[in-house]
Amino acid sequence: MAESFFPYERDDRWKLLLLPLGIGDDDGVTVGDDVVRATFGHFSVETPRDNVVGAKVTGPHRWWTAVGLRLSFSDDGVTFGTNHRRGLCIEFDEKIKRVVGLHDHSSLWVSVADPEGLAAALT
C-alpha cells in the first residue's frame, strides 16, 4: 500500500492562535504500511502502525478543548487540533512518546479533514 496523507481541516477563526505552532499545508497524518506519523507544526509523533488499536470519529467539541496543542484533562491523550467541529481519536496499545506534559500519551486526537477516511486507513 502507498502512503496516505490526511491534512488538517483548518478553521480560519483560529489562525492567529495556531500561528506560533508553525502549522503548514504539509502537516497532517500520514499512514504507511508500517508507520503512522502525525505532524503539527513544530511537533510530531510517530508510532508503528500495529500500535494503533482503535479510532473513533468525535465532535463537535468546545473550541477551548479542541483547538491547538493540548493535553486531555480526562486522560493522558494529546490533541493536534485546527478546528473544533470533528476529528479522530486514535488509541494506542503502547503509549507514544510525550509531546507535551510529563507523561507519554495513550491517544492522539487529530482534526483531519477526512476523519472517516483516516479511520479506514488505520484499520
PDB file of N, CA and C in Angstrom:
ATOM      1  N   MET A   1       0.837  -1.180   0.000  1.00  0.00           N
ATOM      2  CA  MET A   1       0.000   0.000   0.000  1.00  0.00           C
ATOM      3  C   MET A   1       0.888   1.252   0.000  1.00  0.00           C
ATOM      4  N   ALA A   2       0.507   2.225  -0.774  1.00  0.00           N
ATOM      5  CA  ALA A   2       1.217   3.509  -0.776  1.00  0.00           C
ATOM      6  C   ALA A   2       0.814   4.310   0.455  1.00  0.00           C
ATOM      7  N   GLU A   3       1.646   5.253   0.821  1.00  0.00           N
ATOM      8  CA  GLU A   3       1.306   6.117   1.945  1.00  0.00           C
ATOM      9  C   GLU A   3       0.065   6.944   1.624  1.00  0.00           C
ATOM     10  N   SER A   4      -0.761   7.143   2.648  1.00  0.00           N
ATOM     11  CA  SER A   4      -1.936   8.001   2.524  1.00  0.00           C
ATOM     12  C   SER A   4      -1.748   9.191   3.447  1.00  0.00           C
ATOM     13  N   PHE A   5      -2.054  10.387   2.938  1.00  0.00           N
ATOM     14  CA  PHE A   5      -1.888  11.611   3.711  1.00  0.00           C
ATOM     15  C   PHE A   5      -3.244  12.246   3.969  1.00  0.00           C
ATOM     16  N   PHE A   6      -3.473  12.635   5.214  1.00  0.00           N
ATOM     17  CA  PHE A   6      -4.721  13.247   5.629  1.00  0.00           C
ATOM     18  C   PHE A   6      -4.418  14.615   6.247  1.00  0.00           C
ATOM     19  N   PRO A   7      -4.674  15.696   5.493  1.00  0.00           N
ATOM     20  CA  PRO A   7      -4.379  17.036   6.009  1.00  0.00           C
ATOM     21  C   PRO A   7      -5.421  17.467   7.046  1.00  0.00           C
ATOM     22  N   TYR A   8      -5.062  18.483   7.809  1.00  0.00           N
ATOM     23  CA  TYR A   8      -5.982  19.040   8.795  1.00  0.00           C
ATOM     24  C   TYR A   8      -7.042  19.899   8.120  1.00  0.00           C
ATOM     25  N   GLU A   9      -8.224  19.929   8.720  1.00  0.00           N
ATOM     26  CA  GLU A   9      -9.261  20.872   8.303  1.00  0.00           C
ATOM     27  C   GLU A   9      -9.110  22.105   9.176  1.00  0.00           C
ATOM     28  N   ARG A  10      -8.760  23.190   8.554  1.00  0.00           N
ATOM     29  CA  ARG A  10      -8.476  24.416   9.311  1.00  0.00           C
ATOM     30  C   ARG A  10      -9.705  25.311   9.397  1.00  0.00           C
ATOM     31  N   ASP A  11      -9.803  25.969  10.511  1.00  0.00           N
ATOM     32  CA  ASP A  11     -10.842  26.964  10.737  1.00  0.00           C
ATOM     33  C   ASP A  11     -10.117  28.300  10.871  1.00  0.00           C
ATOM     34  N   ASP A  12     -10.347  29.213   9.941  1.00  0.00           N
ATOM     35  CA  ASP A  12      -9.606  30.476   9.913  1.00  0.00           C
ATOM     36  C   ASP A  12      -9.811  31.327  11.159  1.00  0.00           C
ATOM     37  N   ARG A  13     -10.865  31.062  11.921  1.00  0.00           N
ATOM     38  CA  ARG A  13     -11.056  31.819  13.166  1.00  0.00           C
ATOM     39  C   ARG A  13      -9.897  31.619  14.130  1.00  0.00           C
ATOM     40  N   TRP A  14      -9.193  30.494  14.036  1.00  0.00           N
ATOM     41  CA  TRP A  14      -8.125  30.166  14.981  1.00  0.00           C
ATOM     42  C   TRP A  14      -6.739  30.378  14.389  1.00  0.00           C
ATOM     43  N   LYS A  15      -6.676  31.059  13.249  1.00  0.00           N
ATOM     44  CA  LYS A  15      -5.409  31.273  12.540  1.00  0.00           C
ATOM     45  C   LYS A  15      -4.342  31.917  13.433  1.00  0.00           C
ATOM     46  N   LEU A  16      -4.678  32.970  14.126  1.00  0.00           N
ATOM     47  CA  LEU A  16      -3.693  33.657  14.970  1.00  0.00           C
ATOM     48  C   LEU A  16      -3.300  32.816  16.180  1.00  0.00           C
ATOM     49  N   LEU A  17      -4.235  32.072  16.721  1.00  0.00           N
ATOM     50  CA  LEU A  17      -3.939  31.195  17.841  1.00  0.00           C
ATOM     51  C   LEU A  17      -2.954  30.094  17.445  1.00  0.00           C
ATOM     52  N   LEU A  18      -3.084  29.587  16.231  1.00  0.00           N
ATOM     53  CA  LEU A  18      -2.258  28.485  15.758  1.00  0.00           C
ATOM     54  C   LEU A  18      -0.941  28.937  15.130  1.00  0.00           C
ATOM     55  N   LEU A  19      -0.830  30.211  14.787  1.00  0.00           N
ATOM     56  CA  LEU A  19       0.355  30.736  14.118  1.00  0.00           C
ATOM     57  C   LEU A  19       1.669  30.396  14.823  1.00  0.00           C
ATOM     58  N   PRO A  20       1.788  30.567  16.142  1.00  0.00           N
ATOM     59  CA  PRO A  20       3.066  30.258  16.800  1.00  0.00           C
ATOM     60  C   PRO A  20       3.473  28.780  16.734  1.00  0.00           C
ATOM     61  N   LEU A  21       2.511  27.893  16.463  1.00  0.00           N
ATOM     62  CA  LEU A  21       2.827  26.467  16.389  1.00  0.00           C
ATOM     63  C   LEU A  21       3.505  26.088  15.075  1.00  0.00           C
ATOM     64  N   GLY A  22       3.427  26.971  14.070  1.00  0.00           N
ATOM     65  CA  GLY A  22       4.114  26.725  12.800  1.00  0.00           C
ATOM     66  C   GLY A  22       3.428  25.726  11.896  1.00  0.00           C
ATOM     67  N   ILE A  23       2.134  25.599  11.997  1.00  0.00           N
ATOM     68  CA  ILE A  23       1.409  24.611  11.194  1.00  0.00           C
ATOM     69  C   ILE A  23       1.347  25.054   9.737  1.00  0.00           C
ATOM     70  N   GLY A  24       1.700  24.130   8.833  1.00  0.00           N
ATOM     71  CA  GLY A  24       1.711  24.423   7.406  1.00  0.00           C
ATOM     72  C   GLY A  24       0.818  23.469   6.630  1.00  0.00           C
ATOM     73  N   ASP A  25       0.760  23.678   5.323  1.00  0.00           N
ATOM     74  CA  ASP A  25      -0.071  22.837   4.463  1.00  0.00           C
ATOM     75  C   ASP A  25       0.414  21.398   4.398  1.00  0.00           C
ATOM     76  N   ASP A  26       1.676  21.173   4.741  1.00  0.00           N
ATOM     77  CA  ASP A  26       2.220  19.815   4.693  1.00  0.00           C
ATOM     78  C   ASP A  26       2.024  19.065   6.007  1.00  0.00           C
ATOM     79  N   ASP A  27       1.312  19.670   6.963  1.00  0.00           N
ATOM     80  CA  ASP A  27       1.036  18.988   8.235  1.00  0.00           C
ATOM     81  C   ASP A  27      -0.252  18.186   8.145  1.00  0.00           C
ATOM     82  N   GLY A  28      -0.261  17.062   8.856  1.00  0.00           N
ATOM     83  CA  GLY A  28      -1.408  16.174   8.892  1.00  0.00           C
ATOM     84  C   GLY A  28      -0.953  14.812   9.366  1.00  0.00           C
ATOM     85  N   VAL A  29      -1.716  13.803   9.009  1.00  0.00           N
ATOM     86  CA  VAL A  29      -1.413  12.430   9.412  1.00  0.00           C
ATOM     87  C   VAL A  29      -1.095  11.601   8.174  1.00  0.00           C
ATOM     88  N   THR A  30       0.034  10.898   8.226  1.00  0.00           N
ATOM     89  CA  THR A  30       0.448  10.019   7.144  1.00  0.00           C
ATOM     90  C   THR A  30       0.397   8.578   7.641  1.00  0.00           C
ATOM     91  N   VAL A  31      -0.282   7.732   6.862  1.00  0.00           N
ATOM     92  CA  VAL A  31      -0.387   6.315   7.200  1.00  0.00           C
ATOM     93  C   VAL A  31       0.362   5.527   6.139  1.00  0.00           C
ATOM     94  N   GLY A  32       1.396   4.820   6.562  1.00  0.00           N
ATOM     95  CA  GLY A  32       2.160   3.957   5.669  1.00  0.00           C
ATOM     96  C   GLY A  32       1.916   2.504   6.015  1.00  0.00           C
ATOM     97  N   ASP A  33       2.628   1.624   5.342  1.00  0.00           N
ATOM     98  CA  ASP A  33       2.483   0.197   5.621  1.00  0.00           C
ATOM     99  C   ASP A  33       2.850  -0.142   7.063  1.00  0.00           C
ATOM    100  N   ASP A  34       3.890   0.499   7.557  1.00  0.00           N
ATOM    101  CA  ASP A  34       4.416   0.134   8.873  1.00  0.00           C
ATOM    102  C   ASP A  34       4.350   1.241   9.910  1.00  0.00           C
ATOM    103  N   VAL A  35       4.122   2.492   9.493  1.00  0.00           N
ATOM    104  CA  VAL A  35       4.249   3.628  10.401  1.00  0.00           C
ATOM    105  C   VAL A  35       3.074   4.591  10.245  1.00  0.00           C
ATOM    106  N   VAL A  36       2.675   5.168  11.373  1.00  0.00           N
ATOM    107  CA  VAL A  36       1.716   6.278  11.388  1.00  0.00           C
ATOM    108  C   VAL A  36       2.471   7.485  11.928  1.00  0.00           C
ATOM    109  N   ARG A  37       2.400   8.592  11.187  1.00  0.00           N
ATOM    110  CA  ARG A  37       3.120   9.809  11.578  1.00  0.00           C
ATOM    111  C   ARG A  37       2.144  10.978  11.541  1.00  0.00           C
ATOM    112  N   ALA A  38       2.122  11.755  12.608  1.00  0.00           N
ATOM    113  CA  ALA A  38       1.303  12.964  12.645  1.00  0.00           C
ATOM    114  C   ALA A  38       2.215  14.152  12.903  1.00  0.00           C
ATOM    115  N   THR A  39       2.102  15.172  12.062  1.00  0.00           N
ATOM    116  CA  THR A  39       2.888  16.386  12.251  1.00  0.00           C
ATOM    117  C   THR A  39       1.926  17.535  12.538  1.00  0.00           C
ATOM    118  N   PHE A  40       2.397  18.462  13.374  1.00  0.00           N
ATOM    119  CA  PHE A  40       1.576  19.601  13.785  1.00  0.00           C
ATOM    120  C   PHE A  40       2.521  20.777  14.019  1.00  0.00           C
ATOM    121  N   GLY A  41       2.976  21.350  12.915  1.00  0.00           N
ATOM    122  CA  GLY A  41       3.940  22.442  13.013  1.00  0.00           C
ATOM    123  C   GLY A  41       5.255  21.952  13.588  1.00  0.00           C
ATOM    124  N   HIS A  42       5.655  22.522  14.721  1.00  0.00           N
ATOM    125  CA  HIS A  42       6.925  22.171  15.358  1.00  0.00           C
ATOM    126  C   HIS A  42       6.878  20.836  16.109  1.00  0.00           C
ATOM    127  N   PHE A  43       5.722  20.178  16.123  1.00  0.00           N
ATOM    128  CA  PHE A  43       5.530  18.958  16.914  1.00  0.00           C
ATOM    129  C   PHE A  43       5.163  17.785  16.012  1.00  0.00           C
ATOM    130  N   SER A  44       5.545  16.588  16.445  1.00  0.00           N
ATOM    131  CA  SER A  44       5.196  15.397  15.669  1.00  0.00           C
ATOM    132  C   SER A  44       5.217  14.165  16.560  1.00  0.00           C
ATOM    133  N   VAL A  45       4.503  13.152  16.103  1.00  0.00           N
ATOM    134  CA  VAL A  45       4.539  11.836  16.743  1.00  0.00           C
ATOM    135  C   VAL A  45       4.658  10.790  15.650  1.00  0.00           C
ATOM    136  N   GLU A  46       5.251   9.673  16.016  1.00  0.00           N
ATOM    137  CA  GLU A  46       5.380   8.557  15.083  1.00  0.00           C
ATOM    138  C   GLU A  46       5.291   7.278  15.879  1.00  0.00           C
ATOM    139  N   THR A  47       4.572   6.304  15.332  1.00  0.00           N
ATOM    140  CA  THR A  47       4.418   5.029  16.011  1.00  0.00           C
ATOM    141  C   THR A  47       4.227   3.932  14.970  1.00  0.00           C
ATOM    142  N   PRO A  48       4.600   2.705  15.301  1.00  0.00           N
ATOM    143  CA  PRO A  48       4.307   1.607  14.374  1.00  0.00           C
ATOM    144  C   PRO A  48       2.801   1.493  14.137  1.00  0.00           C
ATOM    145  N   ARG A  49       2.436   1.174  12.929  1.00  0.00           N
ATOM    146  CA  ARG A  49       1.007   1.075  12.592  1.00  0.00           C
ATOM    147  C   ARG A  49       0.296   0.036  13.445  1.00  0.00           C
ATOM    148  N   ASP A  50       0.980  -1.040  13.783  1.00  0.00           N
ATOM    149  CA  ASP A  50       0.321  -2.076  14.590  1.00  0.00           C
ATOM    150  C   ASP A  50       0.157  -1.664  16.052  1.00  0.00           C
ATOM    151  N   ASN A  51       0.642  -0.488  16.435  1.00  0.00           N
ATOM    152  CA  ASN A  51       0.405   0.042  17.774  1.00  0.00           C
ATOM    153  C   ASN A  51      -0.970   0.697  17.885  1.00  0.00           C
ATOM    154  N   VAL A  52      -1.617   0.976  16.752  1.00  0.00           N
ATOM    155  CA  VAL A  52      -2.953   1.568  16.744  1.00  0.00           C
ATOM    156  C   VAL A  52      -3.973   0.477  17.030  1.00  0.00           C
ATOM    157  N   VAL A  53      -4.760   0.673  18.093  1.00  0.00           N
ATOM    158  CA  VAL A  53      -5.752  -0.342  18.476  1.00  0.00           C
ATOM    159  C   VAL A  53      -7.184   0.154  18.358  1.00  0.00           C
ATOM    160  N   GLY A  54      -7.366   1.425  18.042  1.00  0.00           N
ATOM    161  CA  GLY A  54      -8.715   1.947  17.897  1.00  0.00           C
ATOM    162  C   GLY A  54      -8.706   3.329  17.283  1.00  0.00           C
ATOM    163  N   ALA A  55      -9.841   3.677  16.672  1.00  0.00           N
ATOM    164  CA  ALA A  55     -10.007   5.001  16.081  1.00  0.00           C
ATOM    165  C   ALA A  55     -11.489   5.338  16.094  1.00  0.00           C
ATOM    166  N   LYS A  56     -11.813   6.529  16.619  1.00  0.00           N
ATOM    167  CA  LYS A  56     -13.217   6.909  16.743  1.00  0.00           C
ATOM    168  C   LYS A  56     -13.399   8.363  16.333  1.00  0.00           C
ATOM    169  N   VAL A  57     -14.343   8.595  15.406  1.00  0.00           N
ATOM    170  CA  VAL A  57     -14.685   9.951  14.995  1.00  0.00           C
ATOM    171  C   VAL A  57     -15.464  10.598  16.137  1.00  0.00           C
ATOM    172  N   THR A  58     -15.060  11.805  16.512  1.00  0.00           N
ATOM    173  CA  THR A  58     -15.726  12.523  17.597  1.00  0.00           C
ATOM    174  C   THR A  58     -15.949  13.977  17.202  1.00  0.00           C
ATOM    175  N   GLY A  59     -16.858  14.613  17.904  1.00  0.00           N
ATOM    176  CA  GLY A  59     -17.136  16.025  17.720  1.00  0.00           C
ATOM    177  C   GLY A  59     -18.620  16.243  17.547  1.00  0.00           C
ATOM    178  N   PRO A  60     -19.045  17.463  17.639  1.00  0.00           N
ATOM    179  CA  PRO A  60     -18.244  18.658  17.869  1.00  0.00           C
ATOM    180  C   PRO A  60     -17.797  18.772  19.332  1.00  0.00           C
ATOM    181  N   HIS A  61     -16.775  19.594  19.524  1.00  0.00           N
ATOM    182  CA  HIS A  61     -16.217  19.828  20.851  1.00  0.00           C
ATOM    183  C   HIS A  61     -16.226  21.327  21.150  1.00  0.00           C
ATOM    184  N   ARG A  62     -16.024  21.678  22.404  1.00  0.00           N
ATOM    185  CA  ARG A  62     -15.833  23.085  22.748  1.00  0.00           C
ATOM    186  C   ARG A  62     -14.492  23.512  22.160  1.00  0.00           C
ATOM    187  N   TRP A  63     -14.413  24.731  21.609  1.00  0.00           N
ATOM    188  CA  TRP A  63     -13.186  25.144  20.930  1.00  0.00           C
ATOM    189  C   TRP A  63     -11.990  25.119  21.864  1.00  0.00           C
ATOM    190  N   TRP A  64     -12.179  25.477  23.120  1.00  0.00           N
ATOM    191  CA  TRP A  64     -11.045  25.562  24.041  1.00  0.00           C
ATOM    192  C   TRP A  64     -10.520  24.188  24.458  1.00  0.00           C
ATOM    193  N   THR A  65     -11.235  23.121  24.126  1.00  0.00           N
ATOM    194  CA  THR A  65     -10.712  21.782  24.396  1.00  0.00           C
ATOM    195  C   THR A  65     -10.189  21.093  23.140  1.00  0.00           C
ATOM    196  N   ALA A  66     -10.406  21.708  21.961  1.00  0.00           N
ATOM    197  CA  ALA A  66     -10.077  21.006  20.721  1.00  0.00           C
ATOM    198  C   ALA A  66      -9.115  21.743  19.800  1.00  0.00           C
ATOM    199  N   VAL A  67      -8.898  23.023  20.003  1.00  0.00           N
ATOM    200  CA  VAL A  67      -8.058  23.791  19.079  1.00  0.00           C
ATOM    201  C   VAL A  67      -6.687  24.016  19.700  1.00  0.00           C
ATOM    202  N   GLY A  68      -5.658  23.682  18.949  1.00  0.00           N
ATOM    203  CA  GLY A  68      -4.290  23.886  19.395  1.00  0.00           C
ATOM    204  C   GLY A  68      -3.612  22.592  19.811  1.00  0.00           C
ATOM    205  N   LEU A  69      -2.502  22.747  20.458  1.00  0.00           N
ATOM    206  CA  LEU A  69      -1.755  21.621  21.028  1.00  0.00           C
ATOM    207  C   LEU A  69      -2.198  21.514  22.480  1.00  0.00           C
ATOM    208  N   ARG A  70      -2.852  20.414  22.835  1.00  0.00           N
ATOM    209  CA  ARG A  70      -3.474  20.311  24.146  1.00  0.00           C
ATOM    210  C   ARG A  70      -3.308  18.924  24.751  1.00  0.00           C
ATOM    211  N   LEU A  71      -3.343  18.896  26.055  1.00  0.00           N
ATOM    212  CA  LEU A  71      -3.445  17.650  26.808  1.00  0.00           C
ATOM    213  C   LEU A  71      -4.891  17.459  27.214  1.00  0.00           C
ATOM    214  N   SER A  72      -5.336  16.229  27.276  1.00  0.00           N
ATOM    215  CA  SER A  72      -6.682  15.926  27.750  1.00  0.00           C
ATOM    216  C   SER A  72      -6.729  16.030  29.267  1.00  0.00           C
ATOM    217  N   PHE A  73      -7.804  16.587  29.786  1.00  0.00           N
ATOM    218  CA  PHE A  73      -7.991  16.647  31.235  1.00  0.00           C
ATOM    219  C   PHE A  73      -8.456  15.308  31.793  1.00  0.00           C
ATOM    220  N   SER A  74      -9.050  14.462  30.945  1.00  0.00           N
ATOM    221  CA  SER A  74      -9.615  13.205  31.432  1.00  0.00           C
ATOM    222  C   SER A  74      -8.653  12.021  31.340  1.00  0.00           C
ATOM    223  N   ASP A  75      -7.629  12.130  30.500  1.00  0.00           N
ATOM    224  CA  ASP A  75      -6.648  11.046  30.379  1.00  0.00           C
ATOM    225  C   ASP A  75      -5.311  11.650  29.950  1.00  0.00           C
ATOM    226  N   ASP A  76      -4.437  10.829  29.432  1.00  0.00           N
ATOM    227  CA  ASP A  76      -3.108  11.318  29.040  1.00  0.00           C
ATOM    228  C   ASP A  76      -2.991  11.550  27.530  1.00  0.00           C
ATOM    229  N   GLY A  77      -4.131  11.747  26.867  1.00  0.00           N
ATOM    230  CA  GLY A  77      -4.132  11.963  25.432  1.00  0.00           C
ATOM    231  C   GLY A  77      -3.632  13.352  25.058  1.00  0.00           C
ATOM    232  N   VAL A  78      -3.211  13.482  23.805  1.00  0.00           N
ATOM    233  CA  VAL A  78      -2.734  14.757  23.275  1.00  0.00           C
ATOM    234  C   VAL A  78      -3.588  15.118  22.058  1.00  0.00           C
ATOM    235  N   THR A  79      -3.795  16.420  21.860  1.00  0.00           N
ATOM    236  CA  THR A  79      -4.610  16.926  20.761  1.00  0.00           C
ATOM    237  C   THR A  79      -3.758  17.726  19.794  1.00  0.00           C
ATOM    238  N   PHE A  80      -3.931  17.437  18.489  1.00  0.00           N
ATOM    239  CA  PHE A  80      -3.405  18.255  17.415  1.00  0.00           C
ATOM    240  C   PHE A  80      -4.646  18.810  16.711  1.00  0.00           C
ATOM    241  N   GLY A  81      -5.151  19.969  17.151  1.00  0.00           N
ATOM    242  CA  GLY A  81      -6.434  20.458  16.678  1.00  0.00           C
ATOM    243  C   GLY A  81      -6.390  21.771  15.936  1.00  0.00           C
ATOM    244  N   THR A  82      -7.029  21.807  14.774  1.00  0.00           N
ATOM    245  CA  THR A  82      -7.134  23.023  13.972  1.00  0.00           C
ATOM    246  C   THR A  82      -8.579  23.490  13.834  1.00  0.00           C
ATOM    247  N   ASN A  83      -9.516  22.749  14.389  1.00  0.00           N
ATOM    248  CA  ASN A  83     -10.919  23.149  14.441  1.00  0.00           C
ATOM    249  C   ASN A  83     -11.583  22.358  15.562  1.00  0.00           C
ATOM    250  N   HIS A  84     -12.802  22.735  15.895  1.00  0.00           N
ATOM    251  CA  HIS A  84     -13.498  22.046  16.989  1.00  0.00           C
ATOM    252  C   HIS A  84     -14.705  21.250  16.503  1.00  0.00           C
ATOM    253  N   ARG A  85     -14.928  21.222  15.200  1.00  0.00           N
ATOM    254  CA  ARG A  85     -16.124  20.566  14.675  1.00  0.00           C
ATOM    255  C   ARG A  85     -16.078  19.041  14.816  1.00  0.00           C
ATOM    256  N   ARG A  86     -14.968  18.443  14.376  1.00  0.00           N
ATOM    257  CA  ARG A  86     -14.855  16.990  14.466  1.00  0.00           C
ATOM    258  C   ARG A  86     -13.438  16.558  14.150  1.00  0.00           C
ATOM    259  N   GLY A  87     -13.128  15.344  14.540  1.00  0.00           N
ATOM    260  CA  GLY A  87     -11.804  14.800  14.298  1.00  0.00           C
ATOM    261  C   GLY A  87     -11.791  13.323  14.620  1.00  0.00           C
ATOM    262  N   LEU A  88     -10.595  12.775  14.748  1.00  0.00           N
ATOM    263  CA  LEU A  88     -10.442  11.350  15.009  1.00  0.00           C
ATOM    264  C   LEU A  88      -9.572  11.140  16.230  1.00  0.00           C
ATOM    265  N   CYS A  89     -10.054  10.342  17.161  1.00  0.00           N
ATOM    266  CA  CYS A  89      -9.262   9.946  18.319  1.00  0.00           C
ATOM    267  C   CYS A  89      -8.608   8.603  17.979  1.00  0.00           C
ATOM    268  N   ILE A  90      -7.283   8.593  17.977  1.00  0.00           N
ATOM    269  CA  ILE A  90      -6.510   7.385  17.666  1.00  0.00           C
ATOM    270  C   ILE A  90      -5.971   6.836  18.980  1.00  0.00           C
ATOM    271  N   GLU A  91      -6.299   5.592  19.279  1.00  0.00           N
ATOM    272  CA  GLU A  91      -5.867   4.961  20.529  1.00  0.00           C
ATOM    273  C   GLU A  91      -4.710   4.017  20.261  1.00  0.00           C
ATOM    274  N   PHE A  92      -3.781   3.971  21.216  1.00  0.00           N
ATOM    275  CA  PHE A  92      -2.571   3.163  21.064  1.00  0.00           C
ATOM    276  C   PHE A  92      -2.498   2.053  22.107  1.00  0.00           C
ATOM    277  N   ASP A  93      -1.904   0.930  21.721  1.00  0.00           N
ATOM    278  CA  ASP A  93      -1.659  -0.168  22.650  1.00  0.00           C
ATOM    279  C   ASP A  93      -0.559   0.241  23.630  1.00  0.00           C
ATOM    280  N   GLU A  94       0.585   0.637  23.099  1.00  0.00           N
ATOM    281  CA  GLU A  94       1.680   1.156  23.922  1.00  0.00           C
ATOM    282  C   GLU A  94       1.709   2.668  23.751  1.00  0.00           C
ATOM    283  N   LYS A  95       1.858   3.375  24.829  1.00  0.00           N
ATOM    284  CA  LYS A  95       1.851   4.832  24.785  1.00  0.00           C
ATOM    285  C   LYS A  95       2.948   5.368  23.864  1.00  0.00           C
ATOM    286  N   ILE A  96       2.626   6.481  23.211  1.00  0.00           N
ATOM    287  CA  ILE A  96       3.613   7.157  22.364  1.00  0.00           C
ATOM    288  C   ILE A  96       4.401   8.140  23.222  1.00  0.00           C
ATOM    289  N   LYS A  97       5.599   8.454  22.761  1.00  0.00           N
ATOM    290  CA  LYS A  97       6.474   9.378  23.489  1.00  0.00           C
ATOM    291  C   LYS A  97       5.778  10.724  23.666  1.00  0.00           C
ATOM    292  N   ARG A  98       5.920  11.284  24.842  1.00  0.00           N
ATOM    293  CA  ARG A  98       5.217  12.535  25.168  1.00  0.00           C
ATOM    294  C   ARG A  98       5.595  13.659  24.212  1.00  0.00           C
ATOM    295  N   VAL A  99       4.611  14.459  23.903  1.00  0.00           N
ATOM    296  CA  VAL A  99       4.795  15.645  23.083  1.00  0.00           C
ATOM    297  C   VAL A  99       4.846  16.863  23.999  1.00  0.00           C
ATOM    298  N   VAL A 100       3.912  16.922  24.926  1.00  0.00           N
ATOM    299  CA  VAL A 100       3.841  17.970  25.945  1.00  0.00           C
ATOM    300  C   VAL A 100       3.451  17.306  27.260  1.00  0.00           C
ATOM    301  N   GLY A 101       3.677  17.997  28.337  1.00  0.00           N
ATOM    302  CA  GLY A 101       3.326  17.441  29.636  1.00  0.00           C
ATOM    303  C   GLY A 101       4.426  16.568  30.198  1.00  0.00           C
ATOM    304  N   LEU A 102       4.074  15.801  31.206  1.00  0.00           N
ATOM    305  CA  LEU A 102       5.057  14.998  31.926  1.00  0.00           C
ATOM    306  C   LEU A 102       5.000  13.511  31.601  1.00  0.00           C
ATOM    307  N   HIS A 103       3.950  13.076  30.901  1.00  0.00           N
ATOM    308  CA  HIS A 103       3.743  11.642  30.680  1.00  0.00           C
ATOM    309  C   HIS A 103       3.564  11.334  29.196  1.00  0.00           C
ATOM    310  N   ASP A 104       3.847  10.088  28.834  1.00  0.00           N
ATOM    311  CA  ASP A 104       3.589   9.620  27.480  1.00  0.00           C
ATOM    312  C   ASP A 104       2.079   9.573  27.246  1.00  0.00           C
ATOM    313  N   HIS A 105       1.668   9.435  25.976  1.00  0.00           N
ATOM    314  CA  HIS A 105       0.259   9.559  25.596  1.00  0.00           C
ATOM    315  C   HIS A 105      -0.321   8.232  25.101  1.00  0.00           C
ATOM    316  N   SER A 106      -1.529   7.915  25.572  1.00  0.00           N
ATOM    317  CA  SER A 106      -2.214   6.693  25.137  1.00  0.00           C
ATOM    318  C   SER A 106      -3.145   6.948  23.959  1.00  0.00           C
ATOM    319  N   SER A 107      -3.347   8.233  23.586  1.00  0.00           N
ATOM    320  CA  SER A 107      -4.199   8.548  22.447  1.00  0.00           C
ATOM    321  C   SER A 107      -3.787   9.884  21.838  1.00  0.00           C
ATOM    322  N   LEU A 108      -4.234  10.080  20.596  1.00  0.00           N
ATOM    323  CA  LEU A 108      -3.980  11.308  19.858  1.00  0.00           C
ATOM    324  C   LEU A 108      -5.266  11.688  19.154  1.00  0.00           C
ATOM    325  N   TRP A 109      -5.726  12.927  19.371  1.00  0.00           N
ATOM    326  CA  TRP A 109      -6.899  13.438  18.655  1.00  0.00           C
ATOM    327  C   TRP A 109      -6.416  14.392  17.585  1.00  0.00           C
ATOM    328  N   VAL A 110      -6.863  14.174  16.341  1.00  0.00           N
ATOM    329  CA  VAL A 110      -6.442  14.997  15.211  1.00  0.00           C
ATOM    330  C   VAL A 110      -7.675  15.495  14.464  1.00  0.00           C
ATOM    331  N   SER A 111      -7.652  16.760  14.074  1.00  0.00           N
ATOM    332  CA  SER A 111      -8.795  17.355  13.369  1.00  0.00           C
ATOM    333  C   SER A 111      -8.556  17.333  11.857  1.00  0.00           C
ATOM    334  N   VAL A 112      -8.397  16.144  11.316  1.00  0.00           N
ATOM    335  CA  VAL A 112      -8.171  15.998   9.876  1.00  0.00           C
ATOM    336  C   VAL A 112      -9.467  16.263   9.114  1.00  0.00           C
ATOM    337  N   ALA A 113      -9.332  16.635   7.844  1.00  0.00           N
ATOM    338  CA  ALA A 113     -10.481  16.944   7.005  1.00  0.00           C
ATOM    339  C   ALA A 113     -11.357  15.717   6.734  1.00  0.00           C
ATOM    340  N   ASP A 114     -10.766  14.536   6.746  1.00  0.00           N
ATOM    341  CA  ASP A 114     -11.498  13.293   6.448  1.00  0.00           C
ATOM    342  C   ASP A 114     -11.261  12.268   7.566  1.00  0.00           C
ATOM    343  N   PRO A 115     -11.913  12.473   8.726  1.00  0.00           N
ATOM    344  CA  PRO A 115     -11.671  11.538   9.826  1.00  0.00           C
ATOM    345  C   PRO A 115     -12.130  10.103   9.518  1.00  0.00           C
ATOM    346  N   GLU A 116     -13.208   9.965   8.769  1.00  0.00           N
ATOM    347  CA  GLU A 116     -13.664   8.614   8.411  1.00  0.00           C
ATOM    348  C   GLU A 116     -12.652   7.913   7.509  1.00  0.00           C
ATOM    349  N   GLY A 117     -12.081   8.645   6.570  1.00  0.00           N
ATOM    350  CA  GLY A 117     -11.063   8.082   5.689  1.00  0.00           C
ATOM    351  C   GLY A 117      -9.811   7.681   6.454  1.00  0.00           C
ATOM    352  N   LEU A 118      -9.406   8.517   7.408  1.00  0.00           N
ATOM    353  CA  LEU A 118      -8.250   8.169   8.226  1.00  0.00           C
ATOM    354  C   LEU A 118      -8.541   6.935   9.069  1.00  0.00           C
ATOM    355  N   ALA A 119      -9.731   6.860   9.645  1.00  0.00           N
ATOM    356  CA  ALA A 119     -10.103   5.678  10.444  1.00  0.00           C
ATOM    357  C   ALA A 119     -10.029   4.413   9.583  1.00  0.00           C
ATOM    358  N   ALA A 120     -10.532   4.492   8.358  1.00  0.00           N
ATOM    359  CA  ALA A 120     -10.491   3.330   7.458  1.00  0.00           C
ATOM    360  C   ALA A 120      -9.051   2.963   7.103  1.00  0.00           C
ATOM    361  N   ALA A 121      -8.199   3.960   6.894  1.00  0.00           N
ATOM    362  CA  ALA A 121      -6.796   3.688   6.541  1.00  0.00           C
ATOM    363  C   ALA A 121      -6.046   3.042   7.690  1.00  0.00           C
ATOM    364  N   LEU A 122      -6.466   3.314   8.907  1.00  0.00           N
ATOM    365  CA  LEU A 122      -5.777   2.759  10.084  1.00  0.00           C
ATOM    366  C   LEU A 122      -6.204   1.326  10.377  1.00  0.00           C
ATOM    367  N   THR A 123      -7.328   0.887   9.840  1.00  0.00           N
ATOM    368  CA  THR A 123      -7.816  -0.474  10.123  1.00  0.00           C
ATOM    369  C   THR A 123      -7.392  -1.452   9.066  1.00  0.00           C
TER     370      THR A 123
END
